[in-house]
């Protein structure tokens, strides 16, 4: 759970690095929260706004986490713009997100504390 809370603590932090484990654990917890909210929305339709509120709240920390993950593999955050290219962009980003962390300090900072 520390990976999930660490991302929220660095809400607007686009500098530095995020380990592969931090990225994927946040993604897992995020998907579980979205699934739970979807079930609640399906059962109690008037609570659909909760899913929208969570989506708005999680947008910025997710974006910052993606920047930091790209920094961890030695790429600029500008690589997120490749997602505008249909299919190819998503595949390229997925490959970058799956790559192991650079073992030494790079231009974006030192090795993250929760390295995988």
N, C-alpha and C. Protein backbone atom coordinates (compact mmCIF):
# COMPACT_ATOMS: atom_id res chain seq x y z
N UNK A 1 0.82 -1.20 0.00
CA UNK A 1 0.00 0.00 0.00
C UNK A 1 0.86 1.27 0.00
N UNK A 2 2.13 1.13 0.39
CA UNK A 2 3.01 2.31 0.43
C UNK A 2 3.25 2.88 -0.96
N UNK A 3 3.20 2.04 -1.98
CA UNK A 3 3.39 2.54 -3.34
C UNK A 3 2.24 3.44 -3.74
N UNK A 4 1.04 3.07 -3.34
CA UNK A 4 -0.13 3.85 -3.68
C UNK A 4 -0.08 5.21 -2.96
N UNK A 5 0.23 5.19 -1.68
CA UNK A 5 0.27 6.44 -0.93
C UNK A 5 1.45 7.32 -1.35
N UNK A 6 2.55 6.71 -1.77
CA UNK A 6 3.72 7.49 -2.21
C UNK A 6 3.38 8.34 -3.43
N UNK A 7 2.58 7.79 -4.33
CA UNK A 7 2.18 8.55 -5.52
C UNK A 7 1.32 9.74 -5.12
N UNK A 8 0.42 9.55 -4.16
CA UNK A 8 -0.42 10.66 -3.71
C UNK A 8 0.40 11.72 -2.98
N UNK A 9 1.47 11.32 -2.31
CA UNK A 9 2.33 12.28 -1.62
C UNK A 9 3.11 13.13 -2.63
N UNK A 10 3.34 12.61 -3.82
CA UNK A 10 4.07 13.33 -4.87
C UNK A 10 3.09 13.75 -5.97
N UNK A 11 1.99 14.36 -5.58
CA UNK A 11 0.87 14.69 -6.47
C UNK A 11 1.32 15.47 -7.70
N UNK A 12 2.09 16.52 -7.51
CA UNK A 12 2.52 17.37 -8.62
C UNK A 12 4.01 17.25 -8.89
N UNK A 13 4.64 16.18 -8.46
CA UNK A 13 6.08 16.02 -8.59
C UNK A 13 6.41 15.32 -9.91
N UNK A 14 6.82 16.10 -10.90
CA UNK A 14 7.17 15.55 -12.21
C UNK A 14 8.68 15.29 -12.33
N UNK A 15 9.43 15.65 -11.31
CA UNK A 15 10.88 15.45 -11.32
C UNK A 15 11.22 14.18 -10.55
N UNK A 16 12.37 13.64 -10.84
CA UNK A 16 12.81 12.45 -10.13
C UNK A 16 12.47 11.18 -10.88
N UNK A 17 12.50 10.08 -10.14
CA UNK A 17 12.31 8.77 -10.75
C UNK A 17 11.31 7.95 -9.95
N UNK A 18 10.62 7.03 -10.62
CA UNK A 18 9.69 6.11 -9.98
C UNK A 18 10.05 4.70 -10.42
N UNK A 19 10.18 3.80 -9.47
CA UNK A 19 10.57 2.43 -9.79
C UNK A 19 9.46 1.70 -10.54
N UNK A 20 9.84 0.62 -11.17
CA UNK A 20 8.88 -0.20 -11.90
C UNK A 20 7.81 -0.73 -10.94
N UNK A 21 8.25 -1.17 -9.76
CA UNK A 21 7.29 -1.69 -8.77
C UNK A 21 6.30 -0.61 -8.35
N UNK A 22 6.79 0.59 -8.08
CA UNK A 22 5.91 1.69 -7.68
C UNK A 22 4.86 1.95 -8.76
N UNK A 23 5.30 1.99 -10.01
CA UNK A 23 4.39 2.26 -11.12
C UNK A 23 3.31 1.18 -11.23
N UNK A 24 3.73 -0.08 -11.25
CA UNK A 24 2.77 -1.15 -11.47
C UNK A 24 1.88 -1.42 -10.26
N UNK A 25 2.40 -1.23 -9.04
CA UNK A 25 1.56 -1.40 -7.86
C UNK A 25 0.51 -0.29 -7.79
N UNK A 26 0.90 0.94 -8.13
CA UNK A 26 -0.10 2.01 -8.17
C UNK A 26 -1.15 1.70 -9.22
N UNK A 27 -0.72 1.21 -10.37
CA UNK A 27 -1.66 0.86 -11.43
C UNK A 27 -2.63 -0.22 -10.96
N UNK A 28 -2.12 -1.24 -10.25
CA UNK A 28 -2.97 -2.30 -9.73
C UNK A 28 -3.99 -1.76 -8.74
N UNK A 29 -3.52 -1.00 -7.75
CA UNK A 29 -4.43 -0.44 -6.76
C UNK A 29 -5.44 0.50 -7.40
N UNK A 30 -4.99 1.27 -8.36
CA UNK A 30 -5.88 2.19 -9.06
C UNK A 30 -6.99 1.42 -9.79
N UNK A 31 -6.62 0.33 -10.45
CA UNK A 31 -7.61 -0.47 -11.16
C UNK A 31 -8.60 -1.11 -10.18
N UNK A 32 -8.13 -1.53 -9.01
CA UNK A 32 -9.02 -2.10 -8.00
C UNK A 32 -10.02 -1.06 -7.49
N UNK A 33 -9.55 0.15 -7.27
CA UNK A 33 -10.45 1.23 -6.83
C UNK A 33 -11.48 1.53 -7.92
N UNK A 34 -11.04 1.59 -9.16
CA UNK A 34 -11.98 1.85 -10.27
C UNK A 34 -13.00 0.72 -10.39
N UNK A 35 -12.55 -0.52 -10.21
CA UNK A 35 -13.48 -1.65 -10.26
C UNK A 35 -14.51 -1.55 -9.13
N UNK A 36 -14.04 -1.25 -7.92
CA UNK A 36 -14.96 -1.12 -6.78
C UNK A 36 -15.97 0.01 -7.01
N UNK A 37 -15.50 1.13 -7.52
CA UNK A 37 -16.40 2.24 -7.81
C UNK A 37 -17.39 1.89 -8.91
N UNK A 38 -16.96 1.09 -9.88
CA UNK A 38 -17.86 0.66 -10.95
C UNK A 38 -18.96 -0.24 -10.41
N UNK A 39 -18.60 -1.12 -9.48
CA UNK A 39 -19.61 -2.00 -8.86
C UNK A 39 -20.60 -1.17 -8.07
N UNK A 40 -20.09 -0.21 -7.29
CA UNK A 40 -20.98 0.66 -6.51
C UNK A 40 -21.89 1.45 -7.44
N UNK A 41 -21.35 1.95 -8.54
CA UNK A 41 -22.15 2.70 -9.51
C UNK A 41 -23.23 1.82 -10.13
N UNK A 42 -22.89 0.56 -10.42
CA UNK A 42 -23.87 -0.35 -11.01
C UNK A 42 -25.00 -0.65 -10.02
N UNK A 43 -24.67 -0.72 -8.74
CA UNK A 43 -25.68 -1.03 -7.74
C UNK A 43 -26.51 0.19 -7.34
N UNK A 44 -25.85 1.33 -7.25
CA UNK A 44 -26.52 2.56 -6.81
C UNK A 44 -26.20 3.64 -7.84
N UNK A 45 -27.03 3.73 -8.85
CA UNK A 45 -26.75 4.63 -9.98
C UNK A 45 -26.52 6.09 -9.58
N UNK A 46 -27.23 6.65 -8.60
CA UNK A 46 -26.99 8.06 -8.25
C UNK A 46 -25.57 8.35 -7.75
N UNK A 47 -24.81 7.31 -7.41
CA UNK A 47 -23.44 7.53 -6.94
C UNK A 47 -22.42 7.51 -8.06
N UNK A 48 -22.87 7.62 -9.30
CA UNK A 48 -21.95 7.59 -10.45
C UNK A 48 -20.94 8.72 -10.42
N UNK A 49 -21.29 9.81 -9.77
CA UNK A 49 -20.36 10.94 -9.70
C UNK A 49 -19.08 10.58 -8.96
N UNK A 50 -19.11 9.56 -8.09
CA UNK A 50 -17.91 9.16 -7.35
C UNK A 50 -16.81 8.69 -8.30
N UNK A 51 -17.20 7.95 -9.34
CA UNK A 51 -16.22 7.48 -10.32
C UNK A 51 -15.60 8.66 -11.06
N UNK A 52 -16.39 9.64 -11.41
CA UNK A 52 -15.88 10.83 -12.08
C UNK A 52 -14.95 11.62 -11.18
N UNK A 53 -15.34 11.77 -9.92
CA UNK A 53 -14.49 12.50 -8.97
C UNK A 53 -13.16 11.80 -8.78
N UNK A 54 -13.18 10.48 -8.66
CA UNK A 54 -11.94 9.75 -8.50
C UNK A 54 -11.07 9.89 -9.76
N UNK A 55 -11.70 9.82 -10.92
CA UNK A 55 -10.96 9.98 -12.17
C UNK A 55 -10.28 11.34 -12.26
N UNK A 56 -10.98 12.37 -11.85
CA UNK A 56 -10.39 13.71 -11.85
C UNK A 56 -9.25 13.81 -10.83
N UNK A 57 -9.46 13.23 -9.66
CA UNK A 57 -8.45 13.31 -8.60
C UNK A 57 -7.19 12.54 -8.96
N UNK A 58 -7.32 11.42 -9.65
CA UNK A 58 -6.17 10.56 -9.92
C UNK A 58 -5.44 10.94 -11.21
N UNK A 59 -6.00 11.82 -12.00
CA UNK A 59 -5.39 12.17 -13.28
C UNK A 59 -3.98 12.76 -13.12
N UNK A 60 -3.85 13.79 -12.29
CA UNK A 60 -2.56 14.46 -12.15
C UNK A 60 -1.49 13.57 -11.51
N UNK A 61 -1.78 12.86 -10.42
CA UNK A 61 -0.73 11.99 -9.88
C UNK A 61 -0.34 10.87 -10.84
N UNK A 62 -1.29 10.38 -11.63
CA UNK A 62 -0.96 9.34 -12.62
C UNK A 62 -0.04 9.88 -13.70
N UNK A 63 -0.32 11.09 -14.13
CA UNK A 63 0.52 11.73 -15.15
C UNK A 63 1.94 11.96 -14.60
N UNK A 64 2.02 12.45 -13.37
CA UNK A 64 3.33 12.68 -12.76
C UNK A 64 4.08 11.36 -12.58
N UNK A 65 3.37 10.30 -12.21
CA UNK A 65 3.99 8.98 -12.05
C UNK A 65 4.53 8.47 -13.39
N UNK A 66 3.78 8.68 -14.46
CA UNK A 66 4.25 8.25 -15.78
C UNK A 66 5.51 9.01 -16.18
N UNK A 67 5.55 10.30 -15.89
CA UNK A 67 6.77 11.09 -16.16
C UNK A 67 7.95 10.51 -15.39
N UNK A 68 7.75 10.27 -14.09
CA UNK A 68 8.84 9.77 -13.26
C UNK A 68 9.27 8.37 -13.69
N UNK A 69 8.32 7.54 -14.15
CA UNK A 69 8.68 6.20 -14.62
C UNK A 69 9.53 6.29 -15.89
N UNK A 70 9.17 7.19 -16.79
CA UNK A 70 9.98 7.38 -17.99
C UNK A 70 11.37 7.89 -17.62
N UNK A 71 11.45 8.76 -16.62
CA UNK A 71 12.76 9.24 -16.16
C UNK A 71 13.59 8.08 -15.62
N UNK A 72 12.94 7.12 -14.99
CA UNK A 72 13.65 5.99 -14.39
C UNK A 72 14.33 5.12 -15.44
N UNK A 73 13.78 5.08 -16.64
CA UNK A 73 14.39 4.29 -17.72
C UNK A 73 15.23 5.18 -18.65
N UNK A 74 15.47 6.42 -18.22
CA UNK A 74 16.35 7.32 -18.98
C UNK A 74 15.67 8.05 -20.12
N UNK A 75 14.37 8.15 -20.10
CA UNK A 75 13.62 8.85 -21.16
C UNK A 75 13.03 10.15 -20.62
N UNK A 76 12.78 11.06 -21.49
CA UNK A 76 12.13 12.32 -21.13
C UNK A 76 10.62 12.09 -20.98
N UNK A 77 9.99 12.91 -20.16
CA UNK A 77 8.54 12.83 -20.01
C UNK A 77 7.79 13.17 -21.29
N UNK A 78 8.47 13.85 -22.19
CA UNK A 78 7.86 14.20 -23.48
C UNK A 78 7.48 12.96 -24.29
N UNK A 79 8.07 11.80 -23.95
CA UNK A 79 7.72 10.57 -24.65
C UNK A 79 6.24 10.21 -24.47
N UNK A 80 5.58 10.78 -23.48
CA UNK A 80 4.15 10.51 -23.30
C UNK A 80 3.33 10.99 -24.50
N UNK A 81 3.86 11.96 -25.23
CA UNK A 81 3.14 12.47 -26.41
C UNK A 81 3.03 11.43 -27.52
N UNK A 82 3.86 10.38 -27.46
CA UNK A 82 3.78 9.34 -28.49
C UNK A 82 2.47 8.57 -28.37
N UNK A 83 1.79 8.70 -27.25
CA UNK A 83 0.51 8.03 -27.10
C UNK A 83 -0.55 8.58 -28.07
N UNK A 84 -0.26 9.73 -28.68
CA UNK A 84 -1.16 10.30 -29.68
C UNK A 84 -1.16 9.48 -30.97
N UNK A 85 -0.13 8.66 -31.16
CA UNK A 85 -0.06 7.78 -32.34
C UNK A 85 -0.86 6.52 -32.01
N UNK A 86 -1.93 6.26 -32.74
CA UNK A 86 -2.77 5.10 -32.42
C UNK A 86 -1.98 3.79 -32.42
N UNK A 87 -2.24 2.96 -31.46
CA UNK A 87 -1.69 1.63 -31.25
C UNK A 87 -0.18 1.62 -31.04
N UNK A 88 0.58 2.16 -31.98
CA UNK A 88 2.04 2.16 -31.88
C UNK A 88 2.49 2.91 -30.63
N UNK A 89 1.89 4.05 -30.37
CA UNK A 89 2.26 4.85 -29.21
C UNK A 89 2.03 4.10 -27.91
N UNK A 90 0.89 3.43 -27.79
CA UNK A 90 0.60 2.65 -26.58
C UNK A 90 1.58 1.51 -26.40
N UNK A 91 1.96 0.87 -27.47
CA UNK A 91 2.91 -0.25 -27.40
C UNK A 91 4.28 0.25 -26.96
N UNK A 92 4.72 1.37 -27.54
CA UNK A 92 6.02 1.94 -27.17
C UNK A 92 6.04 2.32 -25.69
N UNK A 93 4.99 2.97 -25.22
CA UNK A 93 4.93 3.35 -23.80
C UNK A 93 4.90 2.13 -22.90
N UNK A 94 4.16 1.10 -23.29
CA UNK A 94 4.11 -0.12 -22.50
C UNK A 94 5.50 -0.74 -22.37
N UNK A 95 6.24 -0.75 -23.46
CA UNK A 95 7.61 -1.28 -23.42
C UNK A 95 8.47 -0.45 -22.46
N UNK A 96 8.36 0.87 -22.53
CA UNK A 96 9.14 1.73 -21.64
C UNK A 96 8.75 1.49 -20.17
N UNK A 97 7.46 1.31 -19.90
CA UNK A 97 7.00 1.12 -18.53
C UNK A 97 7.43 -0.24 -17.98
N UNK A 98 7.66 -1.22 -18.84
CA UNK A 98 8.05 -2.56 -18.42
C UNK A 98 9.57 -2.69 -18.26
N UNK A 99 10.32 -1.84 -18.92
CA UNK A 99 11.78 -1.92 -18.85
C UNK A 99 12.28 -1.80 -17.41
N UNK A 100 13.37 -2.48 -17.08
CA UNK A 100 13.93 -2.33 -15.73
C UNK A 100 14.54 -0.95 -15.53
N UNK A 101 14.64 -0.56 -14.28
CA UNK A 101 15.22 0.74 -13.93
C UNK A 101 16.70 0.78 -14.30
N UNK A 102 17.18 1.98 -14.61
CA UNK A 102 18.62 2.14 -14.79
C UNK A 102 19.26 1.96 -13.42
N UNK A 103 20.30 1.13 -13.34
CA UNK A 103 20.86 0.79 -12.02
C UNK A 103 21.62 1.92 -11.33
N UNK A 104 22.04 2.90 -12.06
CA UNK A 104 22.82 3.99 -11.48
C UNK A 104 22.03 5.30 -11.62
N UNK A 105 22.54 6.34 -11.00
CA UNK A 105 21.93 7.66 -11.15
C UNK A 105 21.98 8.08 -12.62
N UNK A 106 20.95 8.81 -13.04
CA UNK A 106 20.94 9.32 -14.41
C UNK A 106 20.64 10.82 -14.38
N UNK A 107 20.36 11.40 -15.51
CA UNK A 107 20.11 12.85 -15.60
C UNK A 107 18.91 13.29 -14.78
N UNK A 108 18.04 12.36 -14.42
CA UNK A 108 16.79 12.70 -13.74
C UNK A 108 16.83 12.47 -12.24
N UNK A 109 17.92 11.92 -11.74
CA UNK A 109 18.03 11.74 -10.29
C UNK A 109 18.69 10.42 -9.92
N UNK A 110 18.70 10.16 -8.62
CA UNK A 110 19.30 8.93 -8.12
C UNK A 110 18.29 7.79 -8.19
N UNK A 111 18.75 6.60 -7.91
CA UNK A 111 17.90 5.41 -7.97
C UNK A 111 16.77 5.57 -6.95
N UNK A 112 15.52 5.29 -7.36
CA UNK A 112 14.39 5.45 -6.43
C UNK A 112 14.49 4.48 -5.25
N UNK A 113 13.94 4.85 -4.11
CA UNK A 113 14.08 4.02 -2.91
C UNK A 113 13.34 2.69 -2.97
N UNK A 114 12.28 2.61 -3.74
CA UNK A 114 11.50 1.38 -3.82
C UNK A 114 11.79 0.64 -5.11
N UNK A 115 13.05 0.44 -5.44
CA UNK A 115 13.41 -0.20 -6.70
C UNK A 115 12.95 -1.64 -6.74
N UNK A 116 12.58 -2.08 -7.94
CA UNK A 116 12.16 -3.47 -8.13
C UNK A 116 13.22 -4.21 -8.92
